[in-house]
Amino acid sequence: MALGRILVTGANGFIGANIVRHFVRKFSEVHALVRTPENLWRLTGVEGVEVHAADMVDSAAVRAVVVAARPTVVMHFASHAALPDERDEAAVFTHTILPLVHLVAAVRDLPDVRAVINAGSSSEYGSQTVPLR
């Protein structure tokens, strides 16, 4: 039994592409939101995915994708690559916080959304000499 419709943002990144690969047979529809549709090499060979191109800084573009996808689950992996030595706070805000705000605003009134999952990666914590807990 299919789980419904999933929207994965940042779907052409390392984490997003693996999530798409994992869920492509579990959901009745898989929608992938990417900023650059010409950079889909991580999704090569994955069938049954509808790719939407939009810059998540643009709230209207995000809303249009959400309306088209009508997700029941949203998994958000699109963000600025905030490495420990990152000093451009405006870029981090613009490409990490603002897209999340636009995404939540776009899905908050949809009746079928059961979950919105926001995730990051261990690179946010910088180089570590011991395992993260």
N, C-alpha and C. Protein backbone atom coordinates (compact mmCIF):
# COMPACT_ATOMS: atom_id res chain seq x y z
N MET A 1 0.84 -1.19 0.00
CA MET A 1 0.00 0.00 0.00
C MET A 1 0.88 1.24 0.00
N ALA A 2 0.66 2.15 -0.93
CA ALA A 2 1.44 3.38 -1.04
C ALA A 2 1.09 4.33 0.10
N LEU A 3 2.09 5.09 0.50
CA LEU A 3 1.94 5.99 1.64
C LEU A 3 1.34 7.34 1.30
N GLY A 4 1.12 7.66 0.06
CA GLY A 4 0.61 8.97 -0.33
C GLY A 4 1.59 9.68 -1.23
N ARG A 5 1.64 11.01 -1.12
CA ARG A 5 2.52 11.81 -1.97
C ARG A 5 3.62 12.44 -1.13
N ILE A 6 4.85 12.35 -1.57
CA ILE A 6 5.97 12.93 -0.85
C ILE A 6 6.63 14.00 -1.71
N LEU A 7 7.03 15.08 -1.07
CA LEU A 7 7.80 16.14 -1.70
C LEU A 7 9.15 16.19 -1.00
N VAL A 8 10.22 16.02 -1.76
CA VAL A 8 11.58 16.07 -1.22
C VAL A 8 12.27 17.29 -1.80
N THR A 9 12.65 18.23 -0.93
CA THR A 9 13.41 19.39 -1.40
C THR A 9 14.89 19.07 -1.32
N GLY A 10 15.66 19.75 -2.18
CA GLY A 10 17.08 19.43 -2.23
C GLY A 10 17.31 18.03 -2.75
N ALA A 11 16.43 17.58 -3.62
CA ALA A 11 16.41 16.19 -4.06
C ALA A 11 17.60 15.80 -4.94
N ASN A 12 18.35 16.77 -5.42
CA ASN A 12 19.54 16.44 -6.21
C ASN A 12 20.82 16.52 -5.39
N GLY A 13 20.69 16.74 -4.09
CA GLY A 13 21.84 16.69 -3.20
C GLY A 13 22.07 15.26 -2.72
N PHE A 14 23.13 15.05 -1.97
CA PHE A 14 23.49 13.71 -1.52
C PHE A 14 22.38 13.07 -0.69
N ILE A 15 21.92 13.77 0.34
CA ILE A 15 20.89 13.21 1.23
C ILE A 15 19.55 13.12 0.49
N GLY A 16 19.16 14.21 -0.16
CA GLY A 16 17.87 14.24 -0.85
C GLY A 16 17.74 13.16 -1.91
N ALA A 17 18.77 12.95 -2.69
CA ALA A 17 18.72 11.93 -3.74
C ALA A 17 18.58 10.53 -3.15
N ASN A 18 19.26 10.27 -2.06
CA ASN A 18 19.13 8.96 -1.42
C ASN A 18 17.75 8.77 -0.80
N ILE A 19 17.17 9.82 -0.28
CA ILE A 19 15.80 9.75 0.24
C ILE A 19 14.83 9.45 -0.90
N VAL A 20 14.99 10.14 -2.03
CA VAL A 20 14.13 9.88 -3.19
C VAL A 20 14.26 8.42 -3.62
N ARG A 21 15.49 7.93 -3.73
CA ARG A 21 15.71 6.53 -4.13
C ARG A 21 15.03 5.56 -3.15
N HIS A 22 15.10 5.88 -1.87
CA HIS A 22 14.51 5.00 -0.86
C HIS A 22 12.98 4.98 -0.93
N PHE A 23 12.38 6.14 -1.14
CA PHE A 23 10.92 6.24 -1.05
C PHE A 23 10.18 6.12 -2.38
N VAL A 24 10.90 6.00 -3.50
CA VAL A 24 10.23 6.02 -4.80
C VAL A 24 9.21 4.89 -4.96
N ARG A 25 9.40 3.77 -4.30
CA ARG A 25 8.43 2.67 -4.41
C ARG A 25 7.46 2.60 -3.24
N LYS A 26 7.66 3.45 -2.24
CA LYS A 26 6.81 3.41 -1.06
C LYS A 26 5.66 4.42 -1.12
N PHE A 27 5.83 5.47 -1.92
CA PHE A 27 4.81 6.50 -2.05
C PHE A 27 4.15 6.40 -3.42
N SER A 28 2.89 6.77 -3.48
CA SER A 28 2.19 6.72 -4.77
C SER A 28 2.72 7.77 -5.73
N GLU A 29 3.19 8.90 -5.20
CA GLU A 29 3.81 9.95 -6.02
C GLU A 29 5.03 10.47 -5.29
N VAL A 30 6.11 10.67 -6.03
CA VAL A 30 7.32 11.27 -5.48
C VAL A 30 7.62 12.53 -6.29
N HIS A 31 7.66 13.64 -5.58
CA HIS A 31 7.97 14.93 -6.19
C HIS A 31 9.31 15.40 -5.66
N ALA A 32 10.18 15.81 -6.57
CA ALA A 32 11.52 16.27 -6.22
C ALA A 32 11.63 17.75 -6.55
N LEU A 33 11.95 18.55 -5.54
CA LEU A 33 12.15 19.98 -5.75
C LEU A 33 13.65 20.25 -5.79
N VAL A 34 14.10 20.80 -6.91
CA VAL A 34 15.51 21.13 -7.10
C VAL A 34 15.63 22.57 -7.58
N ARG A 35 16.75 23.19 -7.28
CA ARG A 35 16.99 24.55 -7.77
C ARG A 35 17.54 24.51 -9.20
N THR A 36 18.39 23.53 -9.49
CA THR A 36 19.04 23.45 -10.79
C THR A 36 18.68 22.13 -11.48
N PRO A 37 17.72 22.15 -12.39
CA PRO A 37 17.27 20.90 -13.02
C PRO A 37 18.31 20.27 -13.94
N GLU A 38 19.34 21.01 -14.31
CA GLU A 38 20.36 20.40 -15.17
C GLU A 38 21.39 19.62 -14.36
N ASN A 39 21.26 19.62 -13.03
CA ASN A 39 22.21 18.93 -12.16
C ASN A 39 21.51 17.77 -11.44
N LEU A 40 21.07 16.79 -12.22
CA LEU A 40 20.29 15.68 -11.67
C LEU A 40 21.04 14.35 -11.69
N TRP A 41 22.35 14.36 -11.80
CA TRP A 41 23.11 13.12 -11.96
C TRP A 41 22.91 12.15 -10.81
N ARG A 42 22.62 12.63 -9.61
CA ARG A 42 22.41 11.71 -8.49
C ARG A 42 21.08 10.95 -8.61
N LEU A 43 20.19 11.42 -9.46
CA LEU A 43 18.90 10.77 -9.66
C LEU A 43 18.85 9.94 -10.94
N THR A 44 19.98 9.79 -11.59
CA THR A 44 20.04 8.99 -12.81
C THR A 44 19.54 7.57 -12.54
N GLY A 45 18.64 7.12 -13.38
CA GLY A 45 18.11 5.76 -13.26
C GLY A 45 16.91 5.64 -12.32
N VAL A 46 16.54 6.70 -11.64
CA VAL A 46 15.38 6.66 -10.75
C VAL A 46 14.16 7.03 -11.58
N GLU A 47 13.20 6.10 -11.64
CA GLU A 47 12.00 6.33 -12.43
C GLU A 47 10.81 6.64 -11.53
N GLY A 48 9.84 7.35 -12.08
CA GLY A 48 8.62 7.63 -11.34
C GLY A 48 8.71 8.84 -10.44
N VAL A 49 9.63 9.75 -10.73
CA VAL A 49 9.80 10.96 -9.92
C VAL A 49 9.44 12.17 -10.78
N GLU A 50 8.59 13.03 -10.25
CA GLU A 50 8.28 14.27 -10.95
C GLU A 50 9.19 15.36 -10.39
N VAL A 51 10.02 15.92 -11.26
CA VAL A 51 10.99 16.93 -10.85
C VAL A 51 10.39 18.32 -11.07
N HIS A 52 10.49 19.15 -10.03
CA HIS A 52 10.05 20.54 -10.09
C HIS A 52 11.28 21.42 -9.85
N ALA A 53 11.47 22.43 -10.67
CA ALA A 53 12.59 23.34 -10.49
C ALA A 53 12.08 24.66 -9.93
N ALA A 54 12.69 25.09 -8.82
CA ALA A 54 12.32 26.37 -8.22
C ALA A 54 13.42 26.79 -7.25
N ASP A 55 13.62 28.08 -7.16
CA ASP A 55 14.53 28.63 -6.16
C ASP A 55 13.68 28.87 -4.91
N MET A 56 14.02 28.22 -3.83
CA MET A 56 13.20 28.28 -2.62
C MET A 56 13.26 29.63 -1.92
N VAL A 57 14.08 30.54 -2.42
CA VAL A 57 14.08 31.92 -1.92
C VAL A 57 12.84 32.65 -2.44
N ASP A 58 12.26 32.14 -3.49
CA ASP A 58 11.07 32.72 -4.13
C ASP A 58 9.82 32.04 -3.55
N SER A 59 9.12 32.75 -2.68
CA SER A 59 7.96 32.15 -1.99
C SER A 59 6.87 31.73 -2.97
N ALA A 60 6.64 32.50 -4.02
CA ALA A 60 5.61 32.14 -5.00
C ALA A 60 5.99 30.86 -5.74
N ALA A 61 7.25 30.69 -6.05
CA ALA A 61 7.71 29.48 -6.74
C ALA A 61 7.54 28.26 -5.84
N VAL A 62 7.85 28.41 -4.56
CA VAL A 62 7.69 27.31 -3.61
C VAL A 62 6.22 26.94 -3.50
N ARG A 63 5.37 27.94 -3.37
CA ARG A 63 3.93 27.69 -3.27
C ARG A 63 3.40 26.98 -4.51
N ALA A 64 3.87 27.36 -5.69
CA ALA A 64 3.42 26.72 -6.93
C ALA A 64 3.80 25.24 -6.95
N VAL A 65 5.00 24.92 -6.49
CA VAL A 65 5.42 23.51 -6.45
C VAL A 65 4.58 22.74 -5.44
N VAL A 66 4.36 23.32 -4.27
CA VAL A 66 3.57 22.65 -3.23
C VAL A 66 2.14 22.41 -3.72
N VAL A 67 1.55 23.38 -4.36
CA VAL A 67 0.19 23.22 -4.89
C VAL A 67 0.15 22.12 -5.95
N ALA A 68 1.16 22.07 -6.81
CA ALA A 68 1.21 21.04 -7.84
C ALA A 68 1.42 19.65 -7.25
N ALA A 69 2.27 19.54 -6.23
CA ALA A 69 2.60 18.23 -5.64
C ALA A 69 1.53 17.73 -4.67
N ARG A 70 0.85 18.63 -3.98
CA ARG A 70 -0.15 18.25 -2.98
C ARG A 70 0.39 17.17 -2.03
N PRO A 71 1.52 17.42 -1.39
CA PRO A 71 2.17 16.35 -0.60
C PRO A 71 1.40 15.98 0.66
N THR A 72 1.56 14.73 1.04
CA THR A 72 1.09 14.30 2.36
C THR A 72 2.27 14.29 3.34
N VAL A 73 3.48 14.17 2.79
CA VAL A 73 4.71 14.23 3.58
C VAL A 73 5.70 15.12 2.85
N VAL A 74 6.38 15.98 3.60
CA VAL A 74 7.42 16.84 3.04
C VAL A 74 8.71 16.55 3.79
N MET A 75 9.77 16.31 3.02
CA MET A 75 11.10 16.13 3.61
C MET A 75 12.00 17.21 3.03
N HIS A 76 12.48 18.10 3.88
CA HIS A 76 13.20 19.29 3.45
C HIS A 76 14.70 19.14 3.69
N PHE A 77 15.46 19.07 2.58
CA PHE A 77 16.91 18.93 2.65
C PHE A 77 17.62 20.04 1.89
N ALA A 78 16.90 21.04 1.42
CA ALA A 78 17.51 22.13 0.66
C ALA A 78 17.99 23.21 1.62
N SER A 79 19.28 23.42 1.65
CA SER A 79 19.82 24.48 2.50
C SER A 79 21.20 24.88 2.01
N HIS A 80 21.67 25.96 2.55
CA HIS A 80 23.01 26.46 2.25
C HIS A 80 24.03 25.51 2.87
N ALA A 81 25.09 25.26 2.16
CA ALA A 81 26.15 24.39 2.71
C ALA A 81 26.91 25.15 3.79
N ALA A 82 26.36 25.17 4.98
CA ALA A 82 26.93 25.95 6.08
C ALA A 82 28.04 25.17 6.77
N LEU A 83 29.24 25.37 6.29
CA LEU A 83 30.39 24.72 6.88
C LEU A 83 30.87 25.53 8.09
N PRO A 84 31.65 24.94 8.98
CA PRO A 84 32.05 25.63 10.21
C PRO A 84 32.73 26.98 10.01
N ASP A 85 33.43 27.15 8.90
CA ASP A 85 34.13 28.41 8.67
C ASP A 85 33.28 29.43 7.91
N GLU A 86 32.01 29.14 7.73
CA GLU A 86 31.09 30.04 7.02
C GLU A 86 30.94 31.34 7.81
N ARG A 87 31.13 32.46 7.13
CA ARG A 87 31.02 33.76 7.79
C ARG A 87 29.95 34.65 7.17
N ASP A 88 29.32 34.19 6.11
CA ASP A 88 28.31 35.00 5.44
C ASP A 88 26.94 34.66 6.01
N GLU A 89 26.60 35.31 7.13
CA GLU A 89 25.33 35.01 7.81
C GLU A 89 24.13 35.31 6.93
N ALA A 90 24.23 36.34 6.09
CA ALA A 90 23.10 36.68 5.21
C ALA A 90 22.84 35.55 4.21
N ALA A 91 23.90 34.96 3.67
CA ALA A 91 23.72 33.85 2.72
C ALA A 91 23.12 32.63 3.42
N VAL A 92 23.57 32.35 4.63
CA VAL A 92 23.02 31.22 5.38
C VAL A 92 21.54 31.45 5.65
N PHE A 93 21.18 32.65 6.10
CA PHE A 93 19.77 32.96 6.35
C PHE A 93 18.95 32.85 5.06
N THR A 94 19.45 33.48 3.99
CA THR A 94 18.71 33.54 2.74
C THR A 94 18.48 32.15 2.14
N HIS A 95 19.46 31.26 2.29
CA HIS A 95 19.36 29.97 1.62
C HIS A 95 19.09 28.79 2.56
N THR A 96 18.87 29.08 3.85
CA THR A 96 18.53 28.02 4.80
C THR A 96 17.23 28.33 5.53
N ILE A 97 17.18 29.46 6.20
CA ILE A 97 16.00 29.82 7.00
C ILE A 97 14.83 30.25 6.11
N LEU A 98 15.09 31.16 5.20
CA LEU A 98 14.02 31.67 4.33
C LEU A 98 13.31 30.57 3.54
N PRO A 99 14.04 29.63 2.91
CA PRO A 99 13.34 28.55 2.22
C PRO A 99 12.45 27.70 3.13
N LEU A 100 12.91 27.45 4.35
CA LEU A 100 12.10 26.70 5.30
C LEU A 100 10.82 27.47 5.64
N VAL A 101 10.94 28.75 5.87
CA VAL A 101 9.76 29.58 6.15
C VAL A 101 8.80 29.54 4.97
N HIS A 102 9.31 29.68 3.76
CA HIS A 102 8.44 29.63 2.58
C HIS A 102 7.76 28.28 2.43
N LEU A 103 8.49 27.22 2.72
CA LEU A 103 7.92 25.87 2.61
C LEU A 103 6.81 25.66 3.63
N VAL A 104 7.07 26.01 4.86
CA VAL A 104 6.05 25.83 5.91
C VAL A 104 4.82 26.70 5.62
N ALA A 105 5.03 27.92 5.16
CA ALA A 105 3.90 28.79 4.81
C ALA A 105 3.08 28.18 3.68
N ALA A 106 3.75 27.54 2.74
CA ALA A 106 3.04 26.95 1.59
C ALA A 106 2.25 25.71 1.96
N VAL A 107 2.72 24.93 2.94
CA VAL A 107 2.03 23.68 3.27
C VAL A 107 1.08 23.80 4.46
N ARG A 108 1.16 24.86 5.21
CA ARG A 108 0.41 24.92 6.48
C ARG A 108 -1.10 24.79 6.34
N ASP A 109 -1.64 25.19 5.22
CA ASP A 109 -3.09 25.11 5.05
C ASP A 109 -3.56 23.93 4.20
N LEU A 110 -2.63 23.09 3.77
CA LEU A 110 -3.03 21.93 3.00
C LEU A 110 -3.63 20.88 3.94
N PRO A 111 -4.79 20.36 3.61
CA PRO A 111 -5.47 19.45 4.53
C PRO A 111 -4.82 18.08 4.69
N ASP A 112 -4.05 17.64 3.69
CA ASP A 112 -3.54 16.27 3.72
C ASP A 112 -2.11 16.12 4.26
N VAL A 113 -1.45 17.23 4.60
CA VAL A 113 -0.06 17.14 5.07
C VAL A 113 -0.03 16.52 6.46
N ARG A 114 0.67 15.38 6.57
CA ARG A 114 0.78 14.68 7.85
C ARG A 114 2.08 14.99 8.56
N ALA A 115 3.13 15.34 7.79
CA ALA A 115 4.44 15.58 8.42
C ALA A 115 5.29 16.47 7.53
N VAL A 116 6.04 17.35 8.18
CA VAL A 116 7.08 18.14 7.54
C VAL A 116 8.36 17.86 8.32
N ILE A 117 9.34 17.30 7.63
CA ILE A 117 10.59 16.92 8.28
C ILE A 117 11.69 17.81 7.73
N ASN A 118 12.36 18.54 8.63
CA ASN A 118 13.47 19.41 8.26
C ASN A 118 14.75 18.74 8.76
N ALA A 119 15.72 18.58 7.87
CA ALA A 119 16.93 17.87 8.27
C ALA A 119 18.17 18.60 7.76
N GLY A 120 19.28 18.26 8.37
CA GLY A 120 20.57 18.78 7.95
C GLY A 120 21.57 17.66 7.94
N SER A 121 22.84 18.02 7.89
CA SER A 121 23.87 16.99 7.87
C SER A 121 24.92 17.27 8.94
N SER A 122 25.79 16.33 9.11
CA SER A 122 26.82 16.48 10.15
C SER A 122 27.82 17.57 9.82
N SER A 123 27.86 18.05 8.58
CA SER A 123 28.81 19.12 8.25
C SER A 123 28.51 20.39 9.03
N GLU A 124 27.29 20.51 9.54
CA GLU A 124 26.93 21.67 10.36
C GLU A 124 27.76 21.76 11.63
N TYR A 125 28.30 20.62 12.07
CA TYR A 125 29.05 20.58 13.32
C TYR A 125 30.54 20.68 13.13
N GLY A 126 31.00 20.71 11.89
CA GLY A 126 32.42 20.83 11.62
C GLY A 126 33.16 19.52 11.83
N SER A 127 34.48 19.57 11.68
CA SER A 127 35.30 18.39 11.85
C SER A 127 35.29 17.96 13.31
N GLN A 128 35.13 16.67 13.53
CA GLN A 128 35.05 16.12 14.88
C GLN A 128 36.11 15.04 15.04
N THR A 129 36.64 14.92 16.23
CA THR A 129 37.61 13.85 16.50
C THR A 129 36.97 12.67 17.18
N VAL A 130 35.72 12.83 17.63
CA VAL A 130 34.98 11.73 18.25
C VAL A 130 33.62 11.62 17.56
N PRO A 131 32.98 10.46 17.60
CA PRO A 131 31.66 10.30 16.97
C PRO A 131 30.63 11.26 17.58
N LEU A 132 29.73 11.78 16.74
CA LEU A 132 28.66 12.63 17.22
C LEU A 132 27.61 11.78 17.92
N ARG A 133 26.99 12.34 18.92
CA ARG A 133 25.90 11.65 19.62
C ARG A 133 24.63 12.46 19.52
